[in-house]
Each structure stands twice: as structure tokens, then as C-alpha cells.
Protein backbone atom coordinates (compact mmCIF):
# COMPACT_ATOMS: atom_id res chain seq x y z
CA MET A 1 133.95 1.92 211.10
CA ASN A 2 134.38 -1.84 211.19
CA ARG A 3 130.71 -2.32 212.02
CA ILE A 4 129.76 -0.26 208.96
CA ILE A 5 131.94 -2.43 206.71
CA VAL A 6 130.49 -5.62 208.17
CA CYS A 7 126.92 -4.38 207.66
CA ALA A 8 127.60 -3.37 204.08
CA ALA A 9 129.13 -6.75 203.29
CA THR A 10 126.15 -8.54 204.86
CA LEU A 11 123.68 -6.54 202.79
CA ALA A 12 125.62 -7.20 199.58
CA LEU A 13 125.71 -10.93 200.32
CA ALA A 14 121.99 -10.99 201.07
CA ALA A 15 121.25 -9.19 197.80
CA ALA A 16 123.43 -11.55 195.79
CA MET A 17 121.95 -14.77 197.18
CA PRO A 18 118.45 -14.40 195.57
CA LEU A 19 120.08 -13.51 192.25
CA LYS A 20 122.24 -16.62 192.41
CA ALA A 21 119.24 -18.78 193.29
CA LEU A 22 117.27 -17.25 190.44
CA ALA A 23 120.08 -17.97 187.99
CA GLN A 24 120.18 -21.59 189.10
CA GLU A 25 116.43 -21.90 188.58
CA ALA A 26 116.66 -20.30 185.13
CA ALA A 27 119.36 -22.69 183.84
CA PRO A 28 119.16 -26.00 185.69
CA ALA A 29 121.89 -28.46 184.80
CA ASP A 30 120.58 -31.62 183.21
CA THR A 31 122.59 -34.38 184.86
CA SER A 32 120.11 -37.18 184.27
CA THR A 33 121.21 -40.13 182.17
CA ALA A 34 118.83 -41.77 179.70
CA VAL A 35 119.29 -45.52 179.38
CA ILE A 36 118.21 -46.77 175.94
CA THR A 37 117.94 -50.12 174.22
CA LEU A 38 119.07 -50.97 170.71
CA GLU A 39 115.51 -50.65 169.36
CA GLN A 40 115.13 -47.22 170.96
CA ALA A 41 118.47 -46.10 169.52
CA LEU A 42 117.33 -47.14 166.03
CA GLN A 43 113.99 -45.34 166.42
CA ILE A 44 115.75 -42.14 167.50
CA ALA A 45 118.20 -42.36 164.60
CA LEU A 46 115.40 -42.90 162.06
CA SER A 47 113.74 -39.68 163.17
CA GLU A 48 116.77 -37.50 163.95
CA ASN A 49 119.58 -38.58 161.62
CA GLU A 50 120.39 -35.91 158.99
CA THR A 51 121.23 -38.45 156.29
CA VAL A 52 117.75 -39.95 156.52
CA LYS A 53 116.17 -36.48 156.35
CA ILE A 54 118.21 -35.64 153.23
CA ALA A 55 117.12 -38.90 151.59
CA ASP A 56 113.46 -38.11 152.31
CA MET A 57 113.89 -34.64 150.80
CA GLU A 58 115.38 -36.25 147.68
CA ILE A 59 112.22 -38.34 147.32
CA GLU A 60 110.17 -35.15 147.60
CA ARG A 61 112.35 -33.42 144.98
CA THR A 62 112.01 -36.21 142.42
CA GLY A 63 108.25 -36.27 143.07
CA TYR A 64 108.06 -32.61 142.08
CA ALA A 65 110.16 -33.35 138.99
CA LYS A 66 107.73 -36.11 138.00
CA LYS A 67 104.76 -33.76 138.36
CA GLY A 68 106.61 -31.19 136.24
CA THR A 69 107.04 -33.79 133.49
CA TYR A 70 103.34 -34.67 133.53
CA ALA A 71 102.58 -30.98 133.15
CA SER A 72 104.02 -31.20 129.63
CA LEU A 73 100.87 -33.07 128.58
CA LEU A 74 98.71 -30.06 129.44
CA PRO A 75 98.30 -26.91 127.35
CA GLN A 76 101.08 -24.37 127.78
CA VAL A 77 99.51 -20.90 127.90
CA ASP A 78 101.53 -17.66 127.85
CA LEU A 79 100.77 -13.97 127.78
CA THR A 80 103.02 -11.94 125.51
CA GLY A 81 103.58 -8.21 125.16
CA SER A 82 106.10 -5.98 123.44
CA TYR A 83 106.85 -2.34 122.67
CA MET A 84 109.07 -1.08 119.86
CA ARG A 85 110.26 2.48 119.21
CA THR A 86 111.24 3.14 115.59
CA ILE A 87 114.48 5.11 115.21
CA LYS A 88 114.69 5.04 111.41
CA LYS A 89 111.67 3.98 109.43
CA GLN A 90 111.86 1.58 106.53
CA VAL A 91 111.61 3.04 103.01
CA MET A 92 109.66 1.31 100.25
CA TYR A 93 110.55 1.82 96.57
CA MET A 94 108.27 0.96 93.64
CA ASP A 95 109.23 0.75 89.92
CA MET A 96 106.23 2.69 88.64
CA ASP A 97 105.13 6.26 87.91
CA MET A 98 104.24 7.71 91.31
CA SER A 99 102.68 10.91 89.87
CA SER A 100 99.23 9.37 89.99
CA PHE A 101 99.50 9.10 93.79
CA PHE A 102 100.26 12.82 94.01
CA GLY A 103 97.48 14.05 91.68
CA GLY A 104 99.68 14.53 88.57
CA SER A 105 98.73 13.90 84.84
CA GLU A 106 100.30 11.72 82.23
CA SER A 107 103.00 13.53 80.24
CA THR A 108 104.69 12.69 76.91
CA GLY A 109 107.67 14.93 77.62
CA SER A 110 107.26 17.04 74.39
CA THR A 111 104.51 19.63 74.87
CA GLY A 112 103.57 19.22 78.57
CA SER A 113 104.73 21.34 81.51
CA THR A 114 108.35 20.97 82.40
CA GLY A 115 107.55 21.18 86.16
CA THR A 116 105.24 18.17 85.98
CA THR A 117 107.91 16.01 84.35
CA GLU A 118 110.54 16.93 86.98
CA GLU A 119 108.12 16.20 89.85
CA SER A 120 107.40 12.71 88.46
CA SER A 121 111.11 11.97 88.13
CA SER A 122 111.74 13.10 91.73
CA SER A 123 108.94 10.92 93.10
CA LYS A 124 110.40 7.83 91.46
CA GLY A 125 113.76 8.29 93.26
CA SER A 126 112.65 9.22 96.82
CA GLY A 127 110.58 6.15 97.95
CA ILE A 128 107.93 5.98 100.69
CA GLU A 129 108.59 5.66 104.47
CA VAL A 130 106.63 2.80 106.03
CA GLY A 131 105.48 2.41 109.65
CA ARG A 132 105.01 4.64 112.66
CA ASP A 133 107.14 5.69 115.62
CA ASN A 134 105.52 3.45 118.30
CA THR A 135 104.46 -0.18 117.92
CA TYR A 136 102.58 -2.07 120.64
CA SER A 137 101.76 -5.77 120.63
CA GLY A 138 100.02 -7.99 123.16
CA GLY A 139 98.34 -11.35 123.04
CA LEU A 140 97.83 -14.90 124.22
CA THR A 141 99.51 -18.04 122.88
CA ALA A 142 98.80 -21.67 123.68
CA SER A 143 100.21 -25.00 122.54
CA MET A 144 99.51 -28.62 123.43
CA PRO A 145 101.22 -31.83 122.29
CA LEU A 146 98.86 -34.31 120.68
CA ILE A 147 101.26 -37.00 119.50
CA ASN A 148 104.75 -37.08 120.99
CA PHE A 149 106.24 -40.50 121.64
CA GLN A 150 109.41 -39.10 123.24
CA LEU A 151 107.36 -37.13 125.75
CA TRP A 152 105.29 -40.16 126.71
CA LYS A 153 108.42 -42.26 127.25
CA SER A 154 110.04 -39.51 129.33
CA LEU A 155 107.04 -39.65 131.67
CA LYS A 156 107.81 -43.30 132.43
CA ILE A 157 111.48 -42.48 133.01
CA SER A 158 110.46 -39.75 135.46
CA GLY A 159 108.43 -42.30 137.41
CA GLN A 160 111.47 -44.57 137.57
CA GLU A 161 113.53 -41.66 138.92
CA VAL A 162 111.12 -41.47 141.85
CA ASP A 163 111.46 -45.22 142.40
CA LEU A 164 115.24 -44.85 142.37
CA ALA A 165 115.08 -42.02 144.93
CA VAL A 166 112.90 -44.18 147.19
CA GLU A 167 115.39 -47.05 146.96
CA LYS A 168 118.28 -44.69 147.69
CA ALA A 169 116.42 -43.48 150.77
CA ARG A 170 116.04 -47.11 151.83
CA SER A 171 119.77 -47.56 151.27
CA SER A 172 120.47 -44.55 153.52
CA ARG A 173 118.33 -46.10 156.24
CA LEU A 174 120.13 -49.42 155.91
CA ASP A 175 123.50 -47.67 156.22
CA MET A 176 122.29 -45.70 159.22
CA VAL A 177 120.90 -48.82 160.95
CA SER A 178 124.19 -50.62 160.36
CA GLN A 179 126.17 -47.70 161.80
CA VAL A 180 123.94 -47.45 164.86
CA LYS A 181 124.17 -51.20 165.52
CA GLN A 182 127.94 -51.24 165.18
CA ALA A 183 128.26 -48.19 167.45
CA TYR A 184 125.90 -49.78 169.98
CA PHE A 185 127.84 -53.04 169.99
CA GLY A 186 131.06 -51.01 170.24
CA VAL A 187 129.81 -49.48 173.49
CA LEU A 188 128.92 -52.93 174.82
CA PHE A 189 132.37 -54.24 173.94
CA ALA A 190 134.07 -51.22 175.54
CA LYS A 191 132.05 -51.76 178.73
CA GLU A 192 132.97 -55.45 178.77
CA ALA A 193 136.65 -54.54 178.45
CA LEU A 194 136.24 -52.00 181.27
CA ASN A 195 134.73 -54.69 183.50
CA VAL A 196 137.63 -57.02 182.74
CA TYR A 197 140.27 -54.40 183.56
CA LYS A 198 138.39 -53.39 186.71
CA SER A 199 138.45 -57.04 187.75
CA VAL A 200 142.18 -57.15 187.08
CA TYR A 201 142.65 -54.05 189.21
CA ASP A 202 140.51 -55.45 192.05
CA ASN A 203 142.48 -58.68 191.98
CA ALA A 204 145.76 -56.76 192.00
CA VAL A 205 144.64 -54.73 195.01
CA GLU A 206 143.47 -57.84 196.85
CA ASN A 207 146.73 -59.65 196.11
CA PHE A 208 148.74 -56.63 197.20
CA GLN A 209 146.91 -56.52 200.50
CA LYS A 210 147.63 -60.20 201.08
CA THR A 211 151.27 -59.73 200.08
CA GLU A 212 151.57 -56.70 202.34
CA SER A 213 150.24 -58.71 205.27
CA ARG A 214 152.69 -61.52 204.57
CA TYR A 215 155.50 -59.00 204.08
CA ASN A 216 154.74 -57.37 207.41
CA ALA A 217 154.74 -60.85 208.99
CA GLN A 218 158.10 -61.47 207.28
CA LYS A 219 156.64 -64.34 205.24
CA ALA A 220 157.12 -62.65 201.87
CA SER A 221 160.20 -61.12 200.37
CA GLU A 222 160.59 -57.49 199.45
CA LEU A 223 160.67 -58.53 195.78
CA GLU A 224 157.22 -60.07 196.05
CA TYR A 225 155.97 -57.00 197.89
CA THR A 226 157.38 -54.71 195.21
CA ARG A 227 155.98 -56.78 192.35
CA ALA A 228 152.52 -56.89 193.94
CA LYS A 229 152.58 -53.12 194.33
CA THR A 230 153.74 -52.79 190.72
CA ASN A 231 150.81 -54.89 189.54
CA VAL A 232 148.39 -52.42 191.15
CA ALA A 233 150.11 -49.45 189.54
CA ALA A 234 150.18 -51.20 186.14
CA ALA A 235 146.43 -52.00 186.28
CA ILE A 236 145.37 -48.37 186.84
CA PRO A 237 146.20 -47.04 183.28
CA ASP A 238 144.28 -49.93 181.72
CA VAL A 239 141.19 -48.94 183.71
CA TYR A 240 141.54 -45.30 182.69
CA ASN A 241 141.99 -46.23 179.02
CA ALA A 242 138.97 -48.52 179.16
CA GLU A 243 136.85 -45.75 180.71
CA ALA A 244 137.96 -43.35 177.96
CA SER A 245 137.03 -45.97 175.35
CA VAL A 246 133.52 -46.24 176.79
CA ILE A 247 133.09 -42.44 176.69
CA LEU A 248 134.38 -42.27 173.10
CA ALA A 249 132.10 -45.15 172.03
CA LEU A 250 129.09 -43.37 173.55
CA TRP A 251 129.99 -40.19 171.67
CA GLN A 252 130.19 -42.18 168.45
CA LEU A 253 126.77 -43.67 169.15
CA LYS A 254 125.25 -40.23 169.81
CA ALA A 255 126.80 -38.90 166.60
CA VAL A 256 125.29 -41.60 164.36
CA MET A 257 121.95 -41.30 166.17
CA GLY A 258 121.86 -37.56 165.43
CA VAL A 259 121.24 -36.47 169.03
CA ASN A 260 122.91 -33.70 171.02
CA LEU A 261 126.46 -34.76 171.90
CA GLU A 262 126.11 -33.14 175.32
CA LYS A 263 123.15 -35.32 176.25
CA ASN A 264 123.91 -38.00 178.82
CA ILE A 265 122.92 -41.45 177.61
CA ASP A 266 123.77 -45.01 178.47
CA ILE A 267 122.82 -48.31 176.90
CA ALA A 268 121.11 -51.36 178.31
CA GLY A 269 122.22 -54.95 178.05
CA SER A 270 125.53 -56.70 177.55
CA LEU A 271 127.29 -58.78 174.92
CA SER A 272 126.29 -61.95 176.75
CA ASP A 273 122.64 -61.17 175.97
CA TYR A 274 123.39 -61.79 172.28
CA ALA A 275 125.66 -64.79 172.77
CA GLY A 276 122.80 -67.22 173.28
CA THR A 277 121.34 -66.59 169.81
CA MET A 278 124.53 -67.01 167.78
CA LEU A 279 123.77 -70.54 166.59
CA ARG A 280 120.19 -69.64 165.69
CA ASP A 281 121.34 -66.56 163.80
CA ILE A 282 123.64 -68.65 161.61
CA ALA A 283 120.83 -71.13 160.91
CA ASP A 284 118.42 -68.34 159.97
CA ASN A 285 120.90 -66.78 157.52
CA SER A 286 122.27 -69.98 156.01
CA GLU A 287 120.09 -69.55 152.92
CA VAL A 288 120.16 -65.90 151.89
CA ASN A 289 119.61 -64.16 148.54
CA LEU A 290 119.97 -60.70 147.03
CA GLU A 291 116.27 -60.09 146.44
CA TYR A 292 116.18 -57.16 148.85
CA ASN A 293 119.76 -55.94 148.39
CA THR A 294 119.56 -52.20 147.85
CA THR A 295 122.52 -52.02 145.44
CA MET A 296 121.03 -54.65 143.12
CA ARG A 297 117.64 -52.96 143.32
CA GLN A 298 119.12 -49.61 142.34
CA LEU A 299 120.99 -51.20 139.45
CA SER A 300 117.80 -52.95 138.34
CA ILE A 301 115.88 -49.66 138.28
CA GLN A 302 118.72 -48.01 136.39
CA ALA A 303 118.70 -50.88 133.87
CA GLU A 304 115.00 -50.28 133.24
CA GLU A 305 115.69 -46.57 132.86
CA LEU A 306 118.41 -47.21 130.28
CA ALA A 307 116.16 -49.61 128.37
CA ASN A 308 113.50 -46.92 128.21
CA ASN A 309 116.17 -44.39 127.30
CA VAL A 310 117.09 -46.50 124.25
CA ARG A 311 113.46 -46.39 123.14
CA LEU A 312 113.37 -42.68 123.89
CA LYS A 313 116.24 -42.09 121.49
CA GLN A 314 114.61 -44.30 118.87
CA TYR A 315 111.36 -42.33 119.13
CA ALA A 316 113.26 -39.29 117.88
CA TYR A 317 112.71 -40.73 114.37
CA LEU A 318 108.93 -40.52 114.76
CA PRO A 319 106.85 -37.45 113.81
CA THR A 320 105.20 -35.21 116.39
CA LEU A 321 101.89 -33.38 116.24
CA ALA A 322 100.91 -30.35 118.33
CA ALA A 323 97.94 -28.00 118.47
CA THR A 324 98.61 -24.26 118.54
CA PHE A 325 96.55 -21.16 119.20
CA SER A 326 97.45 -17.47 119.14
CA TYR A 327 95.58 -14.22 119.65
CA THR A 328 97.48 -10.95 119.14
CA ALA A 329 96.45 -7.29 119.05
CA ASN A 330 98.70 -4.60 117.51
CA ALA A 331 98.68 -0.82 117.60
CA MET A 332 100.96 1.62 115.69
CA THR A 333 101.01 5.37 116.47
CA ASN A 334 103.25 8.40 116.39
CA ASP A 335 102.14 9.72 119.80
CA PHE A 336 101.41 8.50 123.33
CA LYS A 337 97.66 9.10 123.46
CA PHE A 338 96.74 5.64 124.66
CA SER A 339 93.01 6.27 124.78
CA GLU A 340 92.93 6.98 121.04
CA TYR A 341 94.88 3.91 119.94
CA GLN A 342 93.29 1.63 117.37
CA TRP A 343 94.07 -2.02 118.15
CA THR A 344 94.11 -4.50 115.28
CA PRO A 345 93.47 -8.09 116.42
CA TYR A 346 95.00 -11.12 114.78
CA SER A 347 94.36 -14.76 115.79
CA TYR A 348 94.74 -18.29 114.49
CA VAL A 349 94.41 -21.93 115.52
CA GLY A 350 96.17 -24.82 113.84
CA LEU A 351 98.12 -28.04 113.90
CA SER A 352 101.88 -28.33 113.76
CA LEU A 353 103.33 -31.53 112.29
CA THR A 354 107.07 -32.22 112.54
CA ILE A 355 108.61 -35.09 110.57
CA PRO A 356 112.33 -35.71 111.25
CA ILE A 357 114.26 -36.14 108.00
CA PHE A 358 117.99 -35.59 108.49
CA SER A 359 120.08 -34.64 111.54
CA GLY A 360 123.60 -35.43 110.42
CA GLY A 361 123.58 -38.81 112.17
CA LYS A 362 122.86 -37.33 115.62
CA ARG A 363 119.79 -39.47 116.30
CA TYR A 364 121.57 -42.61 115.10
CA ASN A 365 124.58 -42.00 117.36
CA ASP A 366 122.32 -41.15 120.31
CA VAL A 367 120.69 -44.57 119.99
CA ARG A 368 124.06 -46.30 119.79
CA GLN A 369 125.29 -44.41 122.86
CA ALA A 370 122.21 -45.42 124.87
CA ARG A 371 122.70 -49.06 123.89
CA VAL A 372 126.35 -49.00 125.01
CA GLN A 373 125.31 -47.53 128.38
CA LYS A 374 122.73 -50.29 128.78
CA THR A 375 125.34 -52.98 128.04
CA GLU A 376 127.79 -51.39 130.49
CA LEU A 377 125.20 -51.48 133.26
CA GLU A 378 124.38 -55.13 132.56
CA LEU A 379 128.07 -56.01 132.99
CA THR A 380 128.20 -53.92 136.17
CA MET A 381 125.21 -55.78 137.57
CA LYS A 382 126.86 -59.16 136.96
CA ASP A 383 130.11 -58.04 138.59
CA THR A 384 128.29 -56.47 141.57
CA GLU A 385 126.19 -59.56 142.15
CA ARG A 386 129.31 -61.73 142.14
CA LYS A 387 131.03 -59.48 144.71
CA LEU A 388 127.95 -59.35 146.92
CA ARG A 389 127.67 -63.13 146.99
CA ILE A 390 131.33 -63.33 148.00
CA ALA A 391 130.68 -60.77 150.76
CA ILE A 392 127.72 -62.79 152.04
CA ARG A 393 129.84 -65.93 152.17
CA GLN A 394 132.57 -64.02 154.04
CA TYR A 395 130.07 -62.72 156.60
CA LEU A 396 128.69 -66.22 157.17
CA ASN A 397 132.18 -67.68 157.54
CA THR A 398 133.14 -64.92 159.99
CA MET A 399 130.00 -65.54 162.03
CA GLU A 400 130.64 -69.28 162.14
CA ALA A 401 134.32 -68.84 163.04
CA ASN A 402 133.54 -66.41 165.88
CA MET A 403 130.78 -68.67 167.21
CA LYS A 404 133.34 -71.47 167.46
CA SER A 405 135.84 -69.05 169.00
CA TYR A 406 133.25 -68.02 171.56
CA ASN A 407 132.52 -71.62 172.55
CA ALA A 408 136.25 -72.25 172.89
CA ALA A 409 136.66 -69.04 174.87
CA LEU A 410 133.95 -70.09 177.30
CA GLU A 411 135.90 -73.22 178.18
CA THR A 412 139.15 -71.25 178.29
CA VAL A 413 137.67 -68.68 180.69
CA ALA A 414 136.40 -71.43 182.98
CA LEU A 415 139.82 -73.11 183.03
CA ALA A 416 141.68 -69.81 183.43
CA GLN A 417 139.41 -68.80 186.31
CA LYS A 418 140.01 -72.13 188.01
CA ALA A 419 143.77 -71.80 187.49
CA TYR A 420 143.74 -68.29 188.92
CA ASP A 421 141.77 -69.36 191.99
CA ILE A 422 144.21 -72.21 192.62
CA SER A 423 147.18 -69.87 192.14
CA ALA A 424 145.67 -67.30 194.48
CA LYS A 425 145.11 -69.87 197.25
CA SER A 426 148.54 -71.39 196.70
CA TYR A 427 150.13 -67.96 196.84
CA GLN A 428 148.21 -67.18 200.02
CA VAL A 429 149.64 -70.22 201.78
CA GLY A 430 153.07 -69.69 200.31
CA LYS A 431 153.15 -72.62 197.88
CA SER A 432 153.48 -70.46 194.74
CA THR A 433 155.13 -67.22 193.80
CA ILE A 434 153.74 -63.87 192.70
CA THR A 435 154.99 -64.68 189.19
CA ASP A 436 152.71 -67.72 189.01
CA LEU A 437 149.79 -65.58 190.17
CA ASN A 438 150.56 -62.91 187.56
CA ASP A 439 150.70 -65.51 184.81
CA ALA A 440 147.33 -66.89 185.88
CA GLN A 441 145.86 -63.38 185.97
CA LEU A 442 147.17 -62.61 182.47
CA ALA A 443 145.70 -65.82 181.08
CA LEU A 444 142.34 -65.06 182.67
CA THR A 445 142.32 -61.51 181.31
CA GLN A 446 143.15 -62.66 177.78
CA ALA A 447 140.48 -65.36 177.92
CA LYS A 448 137.77 -62.92 179.02
CA LEU A 449 138.75 -60.39 176.36
CA ALA A 450 138.78 -63.14 173.72
CA GLU A 451 135.28 -64.16 174.79
CA SER A 452 133.95 -60.60 174.43
CA GLN A 453 135.88 -60.09 171.18
CA ALA A 454 134.31 -63.20 169.62
CA VAL A 455 130.78 -62.03 170.44
CA TYR A 456 131.53 -58.51 169.17
CA ASN A 457 133.04 -59.77 165.91
CA PHE A 458 130.04 -62.05 165.42
CA LEU A 459 127.58 -59.16 165.90
CA VAL A 460 129.52 -56.86 163.55
CA ALA A 461 129.56 -59.56 160.85
CA LYS A 462 125.86 -60.20 161.37
CA THR A 463 125.16 -56.47 161.03
CA GLY A 464 127.07 -56.36 157.75
CA LEU A 465 125.18 -59.42 156.50
CA GLU A 466 121.81 -57.89 157.40
CA GLN A 467 122.73 -54.69 155.59
CA THR A 468 123.81 -56.65 152.51
CA ILE A 469 120.58 -58.65 152.27
CA GLY A 470 118.40 -55.67 153.26
CA PHE A 471 117.11 -57.44 156.34
CA ASP A 472 115.95 -54.38 158.33
CA PHE A 473 113.68 -52.95 155.64
CA VAL A 474 111.98 -55.82 153.86
CA GLU A 475 108.54 -55.08 152.43
CA LYS A 476 105.93 -57.36 153.92
């Protein structure tokens, strides 16, 4: 009995193994990590980011709207058709003797037949029904503007709408590039912080091992042993938090790039790669202007639109001329014998002239409203330009301040590292305490973080400056 159970279990296991292998082949786990540079991250974002795709679709939409406006210059041709069933026919009355229509004779009312006189009187009061039960109408109409100043001006405004959509798409790309850069630099900063805290942990472990050896040799007190062990335990949460910050920063980068959040990616380089160009970057951006600023460009296009809109409202005072054409065929019957219908055609061609005379002040107030909007935008442009120039100056000051902070941090790190090395050797030979070593370690950690923070702040300010001046998308 036991042999039967063992055989059955063996067969079941053998049957399950190919199925398991097949399932693993069907859905292999992608554990590979793609390492990308900043340029590659920007290229991916430009092709995958949803905001950029929406901006491109907006350009396409306004292009269609512009084509629809140009279609107004072409003839508008329509087919028309109608059917009408008469419920109660119209009655026509005529103030005349109707006896002649019914074959009667003229009567004086004295010697003629009495019946003839009564019939004539009845005909005058009854009237004549006009029309038939069924009325059909079908035809072709066409119209084309010949002179219409408002229409011509609206065509130019439609073209400016396309230009505005293109500039808004450029603005979306600038925002996206700025977000990707900041997210990329955020990952670099998080990795630098992780390296610092790992170094702190490694130093704490090394110092604990030395303290433990001295403690076992009865050359260190239990207090020093306990404090060294505490330093190791205190360094572990900082490492875990730094690792979590790196993971979160990578997720943020993947989100702004528009890639799958489950995809494993890493970035190349370090903050120190950008530190060597800080002075050159400040020199290159010392003389900047708002020529390629997307906000000012959008306001400039809107100002042109409003100027044309003022003229558009003024053109409402001018006459318009249009050509018209119509061809219509009608049929009226009392039955539904379509093959016997007699169709009566009617057609015309002509010119339609419209001269505006009086509109209750509507056109006048429309012009005044357009002028007020134009003045409002001019004031907005002045205020926006002033704020943008202040922002540029703030970015430049931030860059300069962080460059100086970085240079100071470099010297501080060198001194802190030297102080830590001296403290470590002194502690090893028993000439200093664990407290002195901890103080040196804290100073070194703060100096390294300050160095990375200065470079990160400089890069973030530079990214904001480049977005403000439209650096990434300048037409050559």
C-alpha cells in the first residue's frame, strides 16, 4: 500500500515539473536594470510623457480649426428637401361676383331667375380652397462670401491660435524637462546621502570592533564599549532611510519620464560630475534675456490676437457682399402616385449686400470691450516681465551662493576628514575618548552632506533658470 502511494506521488511530481517549467518560460521575470544618463532620460520623457502628447494633440486640434476657418472662403453648398401634409387648406376670398366662374349670367334682380341670384350670393360668401394635400420640395443652395472684412481678419486670428498652441506645447516640454532634471538630480543627491550614511555606518562598525578589542583587553571602559555599540545601532536607521529615499527618488523620476513604474532603472554619474562646471555655468548665464521665455512669448501672441480682435470688432461697421444661388423643384398633389408628379423648377442667382446701420450700440461696446482687454494684457505683460527678471536674478544669486558654499564645503570636508583620522588614531592608542571620535564623525558627516547639498541646490537653481529663459528649446 505504501509503495502505491509513493509511486502515485512520484508520478504527480513528475507531471507537475514540466508545467512549472513551462509557466516560468511563459512569464520570465525581468530583473535587469537599465542604467540611463540625463540625456537618455530626457529623450524618453519627450517621447513617452503624457503631457507632451496632449500638447501635440492640441496643436493638431488648432490646425484643424484653422482649416475650418479657411473653408469659410469657399462656396457653401447644401441639398435641401421637405415634405408637407396639409391638414386644413387655406381659403381665398374675393370681393367680386363669382357667378362668371361657375357659368352664370348677369342678373338685375327684377325679372331674372330667383335661383340664379341666390347662387351668386352663396358663391360670394363661401370662398375658394387653395393648395393640395401633399407638397414636396427639393433643391440645391449655394453661397459664397465676396467681401467680408471680419471673415478675413478671423482667418489671421485662427493662424495666431495655432502659433499659441505651438508655444504652449513648447512650454509643456520646458516644464517636463525641468521636472526630469530635478528628479534626476534628486536621485543623485539621495545616492550621495546614502553613501555618506553608509560611510558613517562603516566607521561606526570599525570603531566598535576596535573598542571591543580594547574592552576585551581591559583597556577601555564599559561606557566606551556601550557607546561604540550604540553608535552602530544609531547608524543603521539612517542607512535604511537613505535607501528608501533613493527608491522614492527613482520612482519620482520614472513617473515624470512616463515609463512603467515597475521597470528597474538606475542613473549614471554623480553630483561631483557637475561640480566642475559651476563657475562656467554662472559665467555663461551672467547675461540672460527673456527673448525665448515661453510665458512672454505666449503673452506676445495673445497681444497680437487682441489687437486683431479690436480690428475685427471695428470691421463690423463695414458692409458685406455675398453671392447666392438656389435651384428648387416643387410638386403638389392629392395622392401618392410619385411617377405622375409634375415638378415645377425654380432657380435664381444673385448678390446679397448687407450694410450695418443700427445695432443699439452693440458694435460700439464690442470695440470698447476689446480695447480694454488689450490694455489689460499690456499691463499683465509689464508685470510678468518684471517678475521674471526678479526670478532670473534670484536664480543667479542662488547659483553663486551655492558655488561659494561648495568651495567652502570642500575645504571643510578636507579638514573634517583630517580631524576624524587624527581622532581615530588617537582613540586607538587611548589618547582620546569615544566622545571626541563621535564629534569628529558628526562634523565629517555634516560637511559631506553640505557639500552635496550645495551642488544639488546649484543644479536645481540652474534648472529653474534654464526653464525661465527657454534654454532647452531655442530655435537655431
